[in-house]
Amino acid sequence: MYPRPGDRFMRWFGPATIVVVFSVIIFGDPKADFGFCTGNPEEHCFREWVSATSGWFAGVAAFISIALLARQVKDAQMQYQSAEMQRLEAQANIARQIINAVAAVRITIDARRRELGKLKADPADTRALNRCLGVMETGINDFSRRAFDDFEAITWPGHLDIQQVRSGMKANLNYMKTVRDMALKQTPDWRQWIDDMLVTIGDTGIEHQSIYCNQLELLANEMITRWSTAVAGRSNR
């Protein structure tokens, strides 16, 4: 395979060739060698040849310029397409990571929902309350994965973001600890506090986290689809 001359070389090679050939014909000895001039003293050979060949030279120069520009446009398009494919691939990789992270979070959400259901059936079951605390701490750790931050760095998740989810879960964890201490001490109205906690943490909290996870999954699947479509389109070319 022969190396392709660089664009800088080709940009000057064509016009330089035209100038050299033109100079040899005009300033050489065209009468003796080629018979392009009659030799008549009144003949303006240079001017007449410039007039006769200027259109051809302009056409050749224009053709070379167009060919070079077309090559540059094609190279620019290829560079853009390559950069776009790299961007889509990077997004798809992050999207796959967020899908795995969301799957882990859903497990702890379901576990928390079950434990809160047991506590709702028997508010005096402090063991169920402790299990809820443990599941909540696991959920906080799951939402601490960097995949959430990386994903939100490339897209807007909607009206809920990871910082809101994390701060809300930490506040709910402290709230649950306070209610647990009240239950252990049999503080007055501690059952009412548990009922309120079941609504705040069970219904509202889990609903918000589920909505957030659903939105992330939707966006992640769209990114993976765009990447797959781009790969398929490139393979068909």
C-alpha atoms as a PDB file:
ATOM      1  CA  MET A   1       0.000   0.000   0.000  1.00  0.00           C
ATOM      2  CA  TYR A   2       1.416   3.361  -1.065  1.00  0.00           C
ATOM      3  CA  PRO A   3       1.106   6.257   1.368  1.00  0.00           C
ATOM      4  CA  ARG A   4      -1.348   8.956   0.290  1.00  0.00           C
ATOM      5  CA  PRO A   5       0.296  12.395  -0.178  1.00  0.00           C
ATOM      6  CA  GLY A   6      -0.712  14.879   2.458  1.00  0.00           C
ATOM      7  CA  ASP A   7      -3.301  17.565   1.777  1.00  0.00           C
ATOM      8  CA  ARG A   8      -0.674  20.279   2.143  1.00  0.00           C
ATOM      9  CA  PHE A   9       1.445  18.689  -0.616  1.00  0.00           C
ATOM     10  CA  MET A  10      -1.484  18.179  -3.000  1.00  0.00           C
ATOM     11  CA  ARG A  11      -2.736  21.717  -2.406  1.00  0.00           C
ATOM     12  CA  TRP A  12       0.471  23.147  -3.957  1.00  0.00           C
ATOM     13  CA  PHE A  13       1.443  20.351  -6.356  1.00  0.00           C
ATOM     14  CA  GLY A  14      -1.331  20.950  -8.893  1.00  0.00           C
ATOM     15  CA  PRO A  15      -0.883  24.729  -9.315  1.00  0.00           C
ATOM     16  CA  ALA A  16       2.907  24.370  -9.298  1.00  0.00           C
ATOM     17  CA  THR A  17       2.747  21.796 -12.096  1.00  0.00           C
ATOM     18  CA  ILE A  18       0.599  24.113 -14.211  1.00  0.00           C
ATOM     19  CA  VAL A  19       2.992  27.030 -13.694  1.00  0.00           C
ATOM     20  CA  VAL A  20       6.053  24.931 -14.617  1.00  0.00           C
ATOM     21  CA  VAL A  21       4.506  23.539 -17.807  1.00  0.00           C
ATOM     22  CA  PHE A  22       3.207  26.949 -18.810  1.00  0.00           C
ATOM     23  CA  SER A  23       6.622  28.547 -18.216  1.00  0.00           C
ATOM     24  CA  VAL A  24       8.451  25.919 -20.267  1.00  0.00           C
ATOM     25  CA  ILE A  25       6.106  26.397 -23.209  1.00  0.00           C
ATOM     26  CA  ILE A  26       6.123  30.178 -23.150  1.00  0.00           C
ATOM     27  CA  PHE A  27       9.629  31.037 -21.998  1.00  0.00           C
ATOM     28  CA  GLY A  28      11.448  28.101 -23.608  1.00  0.00           C
ATOM     29  CA  ASP A  29      11.866  27.826 -27.354  1.00  0.00           C
ATOM     30  CA  PRO A  30       8.381  26.853 -28.552  1.00  0.00           C
ATOM     31  CA  LYS A  31       9.189  27.940 -32.147  1.00  0.00           C
ATOM     32  CA  ALA A  32      12.130  25.598 -32.491  1.00  0.00           C
ATOM     33  CA  ASP A  33      10.834  22.699 -30.415  1.00  0.00           C
ATOM     34  CA  PHE A  34       7.081  22.740 -30.634  1.00  0.00           C
ATOM     35  CA  GLY A  35       6.090  25.217 -33.316  1.00  0.00           C
ATOM     36  CA  PHE A  36       3.718  27.055 -31.027  1.00  0.00           C
ATOM     37  CA  CYS A  37       4.872  30.510 -32.206  1.00  0.00           C
ATOM     38  CA  THR A  38       5.515  31.750 -35.774  1.00  0.00           C
ATOM     39  CA  GLY A  39       8.502  33.874 -34.926  1.00  0.00           C
ATOM     40  CA  ASN A  40       6.939  36.992 -36.456  1.00  0.00           C
ATOM     41  CA  PRO A  41       8.359  40.084 -34.681  1.00  0.00           C
ATOM     42  CA  GLU A  42       4.861  41.550 -34.452  1.00  0.00           C
ATOM     43  CA  GLU A  43       3.511  38.447 -32.792  1.00  0.00           C
ATOM     44  CA  HIS A  44       2.785  38.676 -29.047  1.00  0.00           C
ATOM     45  CA  CYS A  45       3.232  35.001 -28.320  1.00  0.00           C
ATOM     46  CA  PHE A  46       3.131  35.200 -24.531  1.00  0.00           C
ATOM     47  CA  ARG A  47       0.001  37.358 -24.408  1.00  0.00           C
ATOM     48  CA  GLU A  48      -1.824  35.260 -26.992  1.00  0.00           C
ATOM     49  CA  TRP A  49      -0.984  32.026 -25.257  1.00  0.00           C
ATOM     50  CA  VAL A  50      -2.061  33.425 -21.899  1.00  0.00           C
ATOM     51  CA  SER A  51      -5.334  34.513 -23.450  1.00  0.00           C
ATOM     52  CA  ALA A  52      -5.871  31.169 -25.180  1.00  0.00           C
ATOM     53  CA  THR A  53      -5.031  28.913 -22.262  1.00  0.00           C
ATOM     54  CA  SER A  54      -6.230  30.944 -19.262  1.00  0.00           C
ATOM     55  CA  GLY A  55      -9.661  29.372 -19.381  1.00  0.00           C
ATOM     56  CA  TRP A  56      -8.222  25.859 -19.444  1.00  0.00           C
ATOM     57  CA  PHE A  57      -5.829  26.569 -16.632  1.00  0.00           C
ATOM     58  CA  ALA A  58      -8.615  28.111 -14.559  1.00  0.00           C
ATOM     59  CA  GLY A  59     -10.759  25.046 -15.147  1.00  0.00           C
ATOM     60  CA  VAL A  60      -7.964  22.678 -14.148  1.00  0.00           C
ATOM     61  CA  ALA A  61      -7.169  24.740 -11.062  1.00  0.00           C
ATOM     62  CA  ALA A  62     -10.848  24.821 -10.102  1.00  0.00           C
ATOM     63  CA  PHE A  63     -11.126  21.055 -10.545  1.00  0.00           C
ATOM     64  CA  ILE A  64      -8.086  20.456  -8.347  1.00  0.00           C
ATOM     65  CA  SER A  65      -9.400  22.870  -5.707  1.00  0.00           C
ATOM     66  CA  ILE A  66     -12.836  21.217  -5.688  1.00  0.00           C
ATOM     67  CA  ALA A  67     -11.259  17.764  -5.407  1.00  0.00           C
ATOM     68  CA  LEU A  68      -9.131  18.887  -2.461  1.00  0.00           C
ATOM     69  CA  LEU A  69     -12.080  20.567  -0.749  1.00  0.00           C
ATOM     70  CA  ALA A  70     -14.210  17.463  -1.255  1.00  0.00           C
ATOM     71  CA  ARG A  71     -11.481  15.357   0.316  1.00  0.00           C
ATOM     72  CA  GLN A  72     -11.221  17.725   3.273  1.00  0.00           C
ATOM     73  CA  VAL A  73     -15.002  17.676   3.763  1.00  0.00           C
ATOM     74  CA  LYS A  74     -15.008  13.883   3.665  1.00  0.00           C
ATOM     75  CA  ASP A  75     -12.160  13.710   6.192  1.00  0.00           C
ATOM     76  CA  ALA A  76     -13.978  16.164   8.463  1.00  0.00           C
ATOM     77  CA  GLN A  77     -17.154  14.089   8.246  1.00  0.00           C
ATOM     78  CA  MET A  78     -15.242  10.928   9.089  1.00  0.00           C
ATOM     79  CA  GLN A  79     -13.623  12.614  12.089  1.00  0.00           C
ATOM     80  CA  TYR A  80     -17.001  13.870  13.294  1.00  0.00           C
ATOM     81  CA  GLN A  81     -18.591  10.450  12.873  1.00  0.00           C
ATOM     82  CA  SER A  82     -15.721   8.805  14.727  1.00  0.00           C
ATOM     83  CA  ALA A  83     -15.989  11.297  17.603  1.00  0.00           C
ATOM     84  CA  GLU A  84     -19.768  10.852  17.704  1.00  0.00           C
ATOM     85  CA  MET A  85     -19.426   7.055  17.853  1.00  0.00           C
ATOM     86  CA  GLN A  86     -16.972   7.368  20.731  1.00  0.00           C
ATOM     87  CA  ARG A  87     -19.354   9.677  22.572  1.00  0.00           C
ATOM     88  CA  LEU A  88     -22.307   7.333  22.073  1.00  0.00           C
ATOM     89  CA  GLU A  89     -20.249   4.330  23.143  1.00  0.00           C
ATOM     90  CA  ALA A  90     -19.129   6.103  26.334  1.00  0.00           C
ATOM     91  CA  GLN A  91     -22.742   7.020  27.116  1.00  0.00           C
ATOM     92  CA  ALA A  92     -23.875   3.441  26.480  1.00  0.00           C
ATOM     93  CA  ASN A  93     -21.252   2.107  28.899  1.00  0.00           C
ATOM     94  CA  ILE A  94     -22.386   4.507  31.616  1.00  0.00           C
ATOM     95  CA  ALA A  95     -26.010   3.588  30.852  1.00  0.00           C
ATOM     96  CA  ARG A  96     -25.263  -0.111  31.392  1.00  0.00           C
ATOM     97  CA  GLN A  97     -23.648   0.716  34.726  1.00  0.00           C
ATOM     98  CA  ILE A  98     -26.680   2.705  35.864  1.00  0.00           C
ATOM     99  CA  ILE A  99     -29.031  -0.136  34.909  1.00  0.00           C
ATOM    100  CA  ASN A 100     -27.026  -2.493  37.123  1.00  0.00           C
ATOM    101  CA  ALA A 101     -27.017   0.065  39.941  1.00  0.00           C
ATOM    102  CA  VAL A 102     -30.780   0.567  39.687  1.00  0.00           C
ATOM    103  CA  ALA A 103     -31.321  -3.206  39.770  1.00  0.00           C
ATOM    104  CA  ALA A 104     -29.433  -3.380  43.083  1.00  0.00           C
ATOM    105  CA  VAL A 105     -31.433  -0.454  44.494  1.00  0.00           C
ATOM    106  CA  ARG A 106     -34.731  -2.098  43.550  1.00  0.00           C
ATOM    107  CA  ILE A 107     -33.818  -5.140  45.637  1.00  0.00           C
ATOM    108  CA  THR A 108     -33.371  -3.013  48.760  1.00  0.00           C
ATOM    109  CA  ILE A 109     -36.535  -1.023  47.973  1.00  0.00           C
ATOM    110  CA  ASP A 110     -38.554  -4.258  47.811  1.00  0.00           C
ATOM    111  CA  ALA A 111     -36.936  -5.496  51.034  1.00  0.00           C
ATOM    112  CA  ARG A 112     -37.748  -2.215  52.778  1.00  0.00           C
ATOM    113  CA  ARG A 113     -41.328  -2.385  51.534  1.00  0.00           C
ATOM    114  CA  ARG A 114     -41.703  -5.882  53.004  1.00  0.00           C
ATOM    115  CA  GLU A 115     -40.243  -4.911  56.372  1.00  0.00           C
ATOM    116  CA  LEU A 116     -42.383  -1.792  56.583  1.00  0.00           C
ATOM    117  CA  GLY A 117     -45.419  -3.953  55.792  1.00  0.00           C
ATOM    118  CA  LYS A 118     -44.580  -6.191  58.744  1.00  0.00           C
ATOM    119  CA  LEU A 119     -44.135  -3.171  60.969  1.00  0.00           C
ATOM    120  CA  LYS A 120     -47.456  -1.785  59.826  1.00  0.00           C
ATOM    121  CA  ALA A 121     -49.130  -5.073  60.767  1.00  0.00           C
ATOM    122  CA  ASP A 122     -47.537  -4.964  64.222  1.00  0.00           C
ATOM    123  CA  PRO A 123     -46.235  -1.500  65.203  1.00  0.00           C
ATOM    124  CA  ALA A 124     -44.987  -2.881  68.518  1.00  0.00           C
ATOM    125  CA  ASP A 125     -42.517  -5.203  66.740  1.00  0.00           C
ATOM    126  CA  THR A 126     -39.246  -3.421  67.431  1.00  0.00           C
ATOM    127  CA  ARG A 127     -37.327  -6.160  65.633  1.00  0.00           C
ATOM    128  CA  ALA A 128     -39.142  -5.246  62.426  1.00  0.00           C
ATOM    129  CA  LEU A 129     -38.233  -1.620  63.084  1.00  0.00           C
ATOM    130  CA  ASN A 130     -34.567  -2.554  63.455  1.00  0.00           C
ATOM    131  CA  ARG A 131     -34.712  -4.575  60.247  1.00  0.00           C
ATOM    132  CA  CYS A 132     -36.171  -1.512  58.497  1.00  0.00           C
ATOM    133  CA  LEU A 133     -33.227   0.512  59.709  1.00  0.00           C
ATOM    134  CA  GLY A 134     -30.791  -2.072  58.353  1.00  0.00           C
ATOM    135  CA  VAL A 135     -32.468  -2.140  54.961  1.00  0.00           C
ATOM    136  CA  MET A 136     -32.505   1.666  54.863  1.00  0.00           C
ATOM    137  CA  GLU A 137     -28.754   1.790  55.505  1.00  0.00           C
ATOM    138  CA  THR A 138     -28.208  -0.740  52.707  1.00  0.00           C
ATOM    139  CA  GLY A 139     -30.311   1.412  50.385  1.00  0.00           C
ATOM    140  CA  ILE A 140     -28.228   4.472  51.239  1.00  0.00           C
ATOM    141  CA  ASN A 141     -25.070   2.543  50.375  1.00  0.00           C
ATOM    142  CA  ASP A 142     -26.595   1.411  47.073  1.00  0.00           C
ATOM    143  CA  PHE A 143     -27.493   4.978  46.140  1.00  0.00           C
ATOM    144  CA  SER A 144     -23.933   6.036  47.004  1.00  0.00           C
ATOM    145  CA  ARG A 145     -22.587   4.299  43.902  1.00  0.00           C
ATOM    146  CA  ARG A 146     -20.633   6.565  41.612  1.00  0.00           C
ATOM    147  CA  ALA A 147     -22.648   5.289  38.643  1.00  0.00           C
ATOM    148  CA  PHE A 148     -25.462   7.666  39.628  1.00  0.00           C
ATOM    149  CA  ASP A 149     -23.144  10.684  39.611  1.00  0.00           C
ATOM    150  CA  ASP A 150     -21.562   9.661  36.301  1.00  0.00           C
ATOM    151  CA  PHE A 151     -24.961   9.209  34.698  1.00  0.00           C
ATOM    152  CA  GLU A 152     -26.294  12.568  35.866  1.00  0.00           C
ATOM    153  CA  ALA A 153     -23.118  14.184  34.540  1.00  0.00           C
ATOM    154  CA  ILE A 154     -24.239  13.363  30.978  1.00  0.00           C
ATOM    155  CA  THR A 155     -28.018  13.769  31.260  1.00  0.00           C
ATOM    156  CA  TRP A 156     -30.741  15.456  33.290  1.00  0.00           C
ATOM    157  CA  PRO A 157     -32.695  12.832  35.281  1.00  0.00           C
ATOM    158  CA  GLY A 158     -35.846  14.898  35.775  1.00  0.00           C
ATOM    159  CA  HIS A 159     -37.378  16.642  38.770  1.00  0.00           C
ATOM    160  CA  LEU A 160     -35.505  14.323  41.167  1.00  0.00           C
ATOM    161  CA  ASP A 161     -31.713  14.038  41.221  1.00  0.00           C
ATOM    162  CA  ILE A 162     -29.347  11.802  43.152  1.00  0.00           C
ATOM    163  CA  GLN A 163     -28.446  14.451  45.712  1.00  0.00           C
ATOM    164  CA  GLN A 164     -32.105  14.911  46.638  1.00  0.00           C
ATOM    165  CA  VAL A 165     -32.579  11.158  46.926  1.00  0.00           C
ATOM    166  CA  ARG A 166     -29.513  10.725  49.102  1.00  0.00           C
ATOM    167  CA  SER A 167     -30.312  13.608  51.430  1.00  0.00           C
ATOM    168  CA  GLY A 168     -33.911  12.419  51.748  1.00  0.00           C
ATOM    169  CA  MET A 169     -32.861   8.876  52.649  1.00  0.00           C
ATOM    170  CA  LYS A 170     -30.368  10.100  55.241  1.00  0.00           C
ATOM    171  CA  ALA A 171     -33.056  12.295  56.807  1.00  0.00           C
ATOM    172  CA  ASN A 172     -35.453   9.325  56.834  1.00  0.00           C
ATOM    173  CA  LEU A 173     -32.798   7.140  58.467  1.00  0.00           C
ATOM    174  CA  ASN A 174     -32.332   9.652  61.288  1.00  0.00           C
ATOM    175  CA  TYR A 175     -36.113   9.899  61.598  1.00  0.00           C
ATOM    176  CA  MET A 176     -36.383   6.113  61.921  1.00  0.00           C
ATOM    177  CA  LYS A 177     -33.690   6.039  64.582  1.00  0.00           C
ATOM    178  CA  THR A 178     -35.557   8.674  66.573  1.00  0.00           C
ATOM    179  CA  VAL A 179     -38.810   6.702  66.320  1.00  0.00           C
ATOM    180  CA  ARG A 180     -37.036   3.485  67.324  1.00  0.00           C
ATOM    181  CA  ASP A 181     -35.616   5.155  70.449  1.00  0.00           C
ATOM    182  CA  MET A 182     -39.081   6.456  71.308  1.00  0.00           C
ATOM    183  CA  ALA A 183     -40.541   2.967  70.862  1.00  0.00           C
ATOM    184  CA  LEU A 184     -37.892   1.378  73.078  1.00  0.00           C
ATOM    185  CA  LYS A 185     -38.492   3.982  75.780  1.00  0.00           C
ATOM    186  CA  GLN A 186     -42.268   3.702  75.389  1.00  0.00           C
ATOM    187  CA  THR A 187     -42.479   7.439  74.938  1.00  0.00           C
ATOM    188  CA  PRO A 188     -46.068   8.738  74.889  1.00  0.00           C
ATOM    189  CA  ASP A 189     -47.609   8.709  71.402  1.00  0.00           C
ATOM    190  CA  TRP A 190     -44.794   6.513  70.071  1.00  0.00           C
ATOM    191  CA  ARG A 191     -47.343   4.454  68.105  1.00  0.00           C
ATOM    192  CA  GLN A 192     -48.547   7.602  66.383  1.00  0.00           C
ATOM    193  CA  TRP A 193     -44.956   8.391  65.487  1.00  0.00           C
ATOM    194  CA  ILE A 194     -44.618   4.961  63.904  1.00  0.00           C
ATOM    195  CA  ASP A 195     -47.813   5.470  61.910  1.00  0.00           C
ATOM    196  CA  ASP A 196     -46.515   8.809  60.653  1.00  0.00           C
ATOM    197  CA  MET A 197     -43.154   7.232  59.823  1.00  0.00           C
ATOM    198  CA  LEU A 198     -44.834   4.495  57.777  1.00  0.00           C
ATOM    199  CA  VAL A 199     -46.457   7.162  55.606  1.00  0.00           C
ATOM    200  CA  THR A 200     -43.400   9.396  55.304  1.00  0.00           C
ATOM    201  CA  ILE A 201     -40.804   6.702  54.750  1.00  0.00           C
ATOM    202  CA  GLY A 202     -42.921   3.847  53.457  1.00  0.00           C
ATOM    203  CA  ASP A 203     -45.357   5.402  51.017  1.00  0.00           C
ATOM    204  CA  THR A 204     -43.841   8.740  50.029  1.00  0.00           C
ATOM    205  CA  GLY A 205     -40.165   7.852  50.313  1.00  0.00           C
ATOM    206  CA  ILE A 206     -40.356   4.589  48.395  1.00  0.00           C
ATOM    207  CA  GLU A 207     -42.559   6.168  45.742  1.00  0.00           C
ATOM    208  CA  HIS A 208     -40.059   8.956  45.097  1.00  0.00           C
ATOM    209  CA  GLN A 209     -37.135   6.531  44.884  1.00  0.00           C
ATOM    210  CA  SER A 210     -39.067   4.250  42.535  1.00  0.00           C
ATOM    211  CA  ILE A 211     -39.939   7.183  40.263  1.00  0.00           C
ATOM    212  CA  TYR A 212     -36.289   8.199  40.198  1.00  0.00           C
ATOM    213  CA  CYS A 213     -35.177   4.662  39.293  1.00  0.00           C
ATOM    214  CA  ASN A 214     -37.811   4.395  36.547  1.00  0.00           C
ATOM    215  CA  GLN A 215     -36.638   7.646  34.987  1.00  0.00           C
ATOM    216  CA  LEU A 216     -33.003   6.555  35.035  1.00  0.00           C
ATOM    217  CA  GLU A 217     -33.840   3.229  33.415  1.00  0.00           C
ATOM    218  CA  LEU A 218     -35.804   4.956  30.680  1.00  0.00           C
ATOM    219  CA  LEU A 219     -32.962   7.357  29.870  1.00  0.00           C
ATOM    220  CA  ALA A 220     -30.345   4.604  30.039  1.00  0.00           C
ATOM    221  CA  ASN A 221     -32.248   2.362  27.645  1.00  0.00           C
ATOM    222  CA  GLU A 222     -32.619   5.267  25.212  1.00  0.00           C
ATOM    223  CA  MET A 223     -28.837   5.801  25.269  1.00  0.00           C
ATOM    224  CA  ILE A 224     -28.154   2.122  24.637  1.00  0.00           C
ATOM    225  CA  THR A 225     -30.671   2.133  21.780  1.00  0.00           C
ATOM    226  CA  ARG A 226     -28.994   5.155  20.161  1.00  0.00           C
ATOM    227  CA  TRP A 227     -25.627   3.427  20.404  1.00  0.00           C
ATOM    228  CA  SER A 228     -26.968   0.172  18.941  1.00  0.00           C
ATOM    229  CA  THR A 229     -28.660   2.035  16.098  1.00  0.00           C
ATOM    230  CA  ALA A 230     -25.456   3.917  15.284  1.00  0.00           C
ATOM    231  CA  VAL A 231     -23.428   0.695  15.243  1.00  0.00           C
ATOM    232  CA  ALA A 232     -25.977  -1.014  13.004  1.00  0.00           C
ATOM    233  CA  GLY A 233     -26.027   1.954  10.617  1.00  0.00           C
ATOM    234  CA  ARG A 234     -22.246   1.991  10.393  1.00  0.00           C
ATOM    235  CA  SER A 235     -22.100  -1.770   9.711  1.00  0.00           C
ATOM    236  CA  ASN A 236     -24.563  -1.435   6.821  1.00  0.00           C
ATOM    237  CA  ARG A 237     -22.429   1.115   4.991  1.00  0.00           C
END
